[in-house]
């Protein structure tokens, strides 16, 4: 989609230049097809819940699927792109977004993602401090 929009840049840059009608219509068709393609891919994208049980990441769709590898690719604060690997399954790319009305869960999920990205998929160390703080 972004390539199709970028292809319109020369048309806007040279607004005083005459372009053949077929080039303008071709660009419009390219943007339209890219938009339709993006909508189809978005509607077919997987929907589920990414959950940390304290030991493992789980991808919950209709049942729990253990995650063997997880990597945070982009973090835009309110939208996170992760790549998720499940045993015997192809790599899954997910755009994570918060559920409305649960900002505290979203922040906890992002912290867990950052922790597991930097420290692997092992469980976080357990604290013996009564306040729950790590040494």
C-alpha atoms as a PDB file:
ATOM      1  CA  UNK A   1       0.000   0.000   0.000  1.00  0.00           C
ATOM      2  CA  UNK A   2       2.749   2.435   0.893  1.00  0.00           C
ATOM      3  CA  UNK A   3       4.543   1.683  -2.379  1.00  0.00           C
ATOM      4  CA  UNK A   4       1.377   2.493  -4.268  1.00  0.00           C
ATOM      5  CA  UNK A   5       1.018   5.781  -2.406  1.00  0.00           C
ATOM      6  CA  UNK A   6       4.677   6.600  -2.973  1.00  0.00           C
ATOM      7  CA  UNK A   7       4.180   6.013  -6.673  1.00  0.00           C
ATOM      8  CA  UNK A   8       1.774   8.981  -6.653  1.00  0.00           C
ATOM      9  CA  UNK A   9       4.549  11.284  -5.429  1.00  0.00           C
ATOM     10  CA  UNK A  10       5.943  12.079  -8.919  1.00  0.00           C
ATOM     11  CA  UNK A  11       2.453  13.020 -10.092  1.00  0.00           C
ATOM     12  CA  UNK A  12       2.027  15.479  -7.230  1.00  0.00           C
ATOM     13  CA  UNK A  13       5.618  16.771  -7.484  1.00  0.00           C
ATOM     14  CA  UNK A  14       5.264  17.642 -11.134  1.00  0.00           C
ATOM     15  CA  UNK A  15       1.724  18.980 -11.011  1.00  0.00           C
ATOM     16  CA  UNK A  16       2.375  21.357 -13.887  1.00  0.00           C
ATOM     17  CA  UNK A  17       3.665  18.529 -16.127  1.00  0.00           C
ATOM     18  CA  UNK A  18       1.359  16.751 -18.531  1.00  0.00           C
ATOM     19  CA  UNK A  19       1.108  13.018 -17.917  1.00  0.00           C
ATOM     20  CA  UNK A  20      -0.616  10.602 -20.275  1.00  0.00           C
ATOM     21  CA  UNK A  21      -4.106   9.686 -19.127  1.00  0.00           C
ATOM     22  CA  UNK A  22      -3.175   5.998 -18.968  1.00  0.00           C
ATOM     23  CA  UNK A  23      -0.379   6.781 -16.445  1.00  0.00           C
ATOM     24  CA  UNK A  24      -2.741   8.676 -14.149  1.00  0.00           C
ATOM     25  CA  UNK A  25      -5.423   5.973 -14.394  1.00  0.00           C
ATOM     26  CA  UNK A  26      -2.765   3.290 -13.886  1.00  0.00           C
ATOM     27  CA  UNK A  27      -1.614   4.982 -10.693  1.00  0.00           C
ATOM     28  CA  UNK A  28      -5.190   5.300  -9.450  1.00  0.00           C
ATOM     29  CA  UNK A  29      -5.823   1.628 -10.199  1.00  0.00           C
ATOM     30  CA  UNK A  30      -2.612   0.639  -8.403  1.00  0.00           C
ATOM     31  CA  UNK A  31      -3.648   2.554  -5.264  1.00  0.00           C
ATOM     32  CA  UNK A  32      -7.146   1.056  -5.397  1.00  0.00           C
ATOM     33  CA  UNK A  33      -5.836  -2.516  -5.770  1.00  0.00           C
ATOM     34  CA  UNK A  34      -3.316  -1.991  -2.979  1.00  0.00           C
ATOM     35  CA  UNK A  35      -6.088  -0.731  -0.692  1.00  0.00           C
ATOM     36  CA  UNK A  36      -8.295  -3.706  -1.502  1.00  0.00           C
ATOM     37  CA  UNK A  37      -5.377  -6.086  -0.951  1.00  0.00           C
ATOM     38  CA  UNK A  38      -4.570  -4.476   2.403  1.00  0.00           C
ATOM     39  CA  UNK A  39      -8.223  -4.772   3.499  1.00  0.00           C
ATOM     40  CA  UNK A  40      -8.344  -8.463   2.545  1.00  0.00           C
ATOM     41  CA  UNK A  41      -5.117  -9.233   4.400  1.00  0.00           C
ATOM     42  CA  UNK A  42      -6.312  -7.290   7.460  1.00  0.00           C
ATOM     43  CA  UNK A  43      -9.637  -9.168   7.564  1.00  0.00           C
ATOM     44  CA  UNK A  44      -7.838 -12.521   7.327  1.00  0.00           C
ATOM     45  CA  UNK A  45      -5.261 -11.678   9.989  1.00  0.00           C
ATOM     46  CA  UNK A  46      -5.281 -13.928  13.067  1.00  0.00           C
ATOM     47  CA  UNK A  47      -7.245 -12.807  16.102  1.00  0.00           C
ATOM     48  CA  UNK A  48      -6.456 -14.087  19.562  1.00  0.00           C
ATOM     49  CA  UNK A  49      -4.878 -13.245  22.881  1.00  0.00           C
ATOM     50  CA  UNK A  50      -1.203 -13.297  23.766  1.00  0.00           C
ATOM     51  CA  UNK A  51      -0.880 -14.319  27.413  1.00  0.00           C
ATOM     52  CA  UNK A  52       2.050 -14.703  29.815  1.00  0.00           C
ATOM     53  CA  UNK A  53       1.384 -17.342  32.486  1.00  0.00           C
ATOM     54  CA  UNK A  54       4.493 -16.494  34.502  1.00  0.00           C
ATOM     55  CA  UNK A  55       6.556 -19.166  32.799  1.00  0.00           C
ATOM     56  CA  UNK A  56       5.591 -19.284  29.123  1.00  0.00           C
ATOM     57  CA  UNK A  57       3.915 -17.193  26.476  1.00  0.00           C
ATOM     58  CA  UNK A  58       0.659 -18.643  25.183  1.00  0.00           C
ATOM     59  CA  UNK A  59      -1.173 -17.739  21.975  1.00  0.00           C
ATOM     60  CA  UNK A  60      -4.854 -18.236  22.780  1.00  0.00           C
ATOM     61  CA  UNK A  61      -7.243 -18.608  19.852  1.00  0.00           C
ATOM     62  CA  UNK A  62      -9.710 -21.404  20.587  1.00  0.00           C
ATOM     63  CA  UNK A  63      -7.206 -23.226  22.795  1.00  0.00           C
ATOM     64  CA  UNK A  64      -3.807 -22.429  24.289  1.00  0.00           C
ATOM     65  CA  UNK A  65      -0.795 -22.840  21.995  1.00  0.00           C
ATOM     66  CA  UNK A  66       2.647 -22.698  23.617  1.00  0.00           C
ATOM     67  CA  UNK A  67       5.005 -20.161  22.057  1.00  0.00           C
ATOM     68  CA  UNK A  68       8.566 -21.350  21.479  1.00  0.00           C
ATOM     69  CA  UNK A  69       9.924 -18.012  20.252  1.00  0.00           C
ATOM     70  CA  UNK A  70       8.760 -14.424  20.550  1.00  0.00           C
ATOM     71  CA  UNK A  71      10.444 -11.278  19.281  1.00  0.00           C
ATOM     72  CA  UNK A  72       9.254  -7.686  19.536  1.00  0.00           C
ATOM     73  CA  UNK A  73       9.906  -6.032  16.172  1.00  0.00           C
ATOM     74  CA  UNK A  74       8.355  -2.572  16.579  1.00  0.00           C
ATOM     75  CA  UNK A  75       6.894  -0.827  19.599  1.00  0.00           C
ATOM     76  CA  UNK A  76       4.739   2.199  18.829  1.00  0.00           C
ATOM     77  CA  UNK A  77       3.410   2.488  22.441  1.00  0.00           C
ATOM     78  CA  UNK A  78      -0.218   1.710  21.453  1.00  0.00           C
ATOM     79  CA  UNK A  79       0.616  -0.795  18.736  1.00  0.00           C
ATOM     80  CA  UNK A  80       3.295  -3.503  18.851  1.00  0.00           C
ATOM     81  CA  UNK A  81       4.497  -5.785  16.062  1.00  0.00           C
ATOM     82  CA  UNK A  82       5.792  -9.175  17.235  1.00  0.00           C
ATOM     83  CA  UNK A  83       6.930 -12.316  15.488  1.00  0.00           C
ATOM     84  CA  UNK A  84       5.719 -15.446  17.205  1.00  0.00           C
ATOM     85  CA  UNK A  85       6.980 -19.002  16.696  1.00  0.00           C
ATOM     86  CA  UNK A  86       4.932 -22.040  17.731  1.00  0.00           C
ATOM     87  CA  UNK A  87       6.227 -25.605  17.642  1.00  0.00           C
ATOM     88  CA  UNK A  88       5.778 -27.096  14.183  1.00  0.00           C
ATOM     89  CA  UNK A  89       3.995 -23.988  12.854  1.00  0.00           C
ATOM     90  CA  UNK A  90       5.156 -21.248  10.483  1.00  0.00           C
ATOM     91  CA  UNK A  91       6.256 -17.896  11.894  1.00  0.00           C
ATOM     92  CA  UNK A  92       3.276 -15.718  12.785  1.00  0.00           C
ATOM     93  CA  UNK A  93       3.430 -11.917  12.580  1.00  0.00           C
ATOM     94  CA  UNK A  94       1.019 -10.148  14.904  1.00  0.00           C
ATOM     95  CA  UNK A  95       0.054  -6.537  15.455  1.00  0.00           C
ATOM     96  CA  UNK A  96      -0.860  -6.306  19.124  1.00  0.00           C
ATOM     97  CA  UNK A  97      -3.164  -3.594  20.366  1.00  0.00           C
ATOM     98  CA  UNK A  98      -4.776  -2.893  23.734  1.00  0.00           C
ATOM     99  CA  UNK A  99      -8.316  -3.917  24.556  1.00  0.00           C
ATOM    100  CA  UNK A 100     -10.373  -0.799  25.232  1.00  0.00           C
ATOM    101  CA  UNK A 101     -10.673   0.043  28.911  1.00  0.00           C
ATOM    102  CA  UNK A 102      -7.674  -2.016  30.108  1.00  0.00           C
ATOM    103  CA  UNK A 103      -4.597   0.240  29.915  1.00  0.00           C
ATOM    104  CA  UNK A 104      -2.971  -1.423  32.952  1.00  0.00           C
ATOM    105  CA  UNK A 105      -3.075  -4.840  31.219  1.00  0.00           C
ATOM    106  CA  UNK A 106      -1.548  -3.320  28.078  1.00  0.00           C
ATOM    107  CA  UNK A 107       1.343  -1.777  29.983  1.00  0.00           C
ATOM    108  CA  UNK A 108       1.971  -5.062  31.829  1.00  0.00           C
ATOM    109  CA  UNK A 109       1.968  -6.950  28.510  1.00  0.00           C
ATOM    110  CA  UNK A 110       4.495  -4.514  26.995  1.00  0.00           C
ATOM    111  CA  UNK A 111       6.754  -4.834  30.046  1.00  0.00           C
ATOM    112  CA  UNK A 112       6.596  -8.632  29.805  1.00  0.00           C
ATOM    113  CA  UNK A 113       7.382  -8.456  26.075  1.00  0.00           C
ATOM    114  CA  UNK A 114      10.423  -6.286  26.678  1.00  0.00           C
ATOM    115  CA  UNK A 115      11.599  -8.547  29.502  1.00  0.00           C
ATOM    116  CA  UNK A 116      11.206 -11.759  27.505  1.00  0.00           C
ATOM    117  CA  UNK A 117      12.843 -10.169  24.458  1.00  0.00           C
ATOM    118  CA  UNK A 118      15.923  -9.210  26.457  1.00  0.00           C
ATOM    119  CA  UNK A 119      16.070 -12.227  28.773  1.00  0.00           C
ATOM    120  CA  UNK A 120      14.607 -15.034  26.664  1.00  0.00           C
ATOM    121  CA  UNK A 121      11.409 -16.967  27.300  1.00  0.00           C
ATOM    122  CA  UNK A 122      12.322 -18.204  30.743  1.00  0.00           C
ATOM    123  CA  UNK A 123      10.320 -17.295  33.803  1.00  0.00           C
ATOM    124  CA  UNK A 124      11.260 -14.072  35.606  1.00  0.00           C
ATOM    125  CA  UNK A 125      13.269 -14.533  38.810  1.00  0.00           C
ATOM    126  CA  UNK A 126      11.211 -14.889  41.978  1.00  0.00           C
ATOM    127  CA  UNK A 127      11.892 -12.338  44.689  1.00  0.00           C
ATOM    128  CA  UNK A 128      12.165 -13.239  48.368  1.00  0.00           C
ATOM    129  CA  UNK A 129      11.736  -9.593  49.352  1.00  0.00           C
ATOM    130  CA  UNK A 130       8.377  -9.097  51.132  1.00  0.00           C
ATOM    131  CA  UNK A 131       7.812  -5.901  49.169  1.00  0.00           C
ATOM    132  CA  UNK A 132       8.125  -7.857  45.912  1.00  0.00           C
ATOM    133  CA  UNK A 133      11.112  -5.847  44.716  1.00  0.00           C
ATOM    134  CA  UNK A 134      14.033  -7.501  43.008  1.00  0.00           C
ATOM    135  CA  UNK A 135      17.483  -6.973  44.569  1.00  0.00           C
END
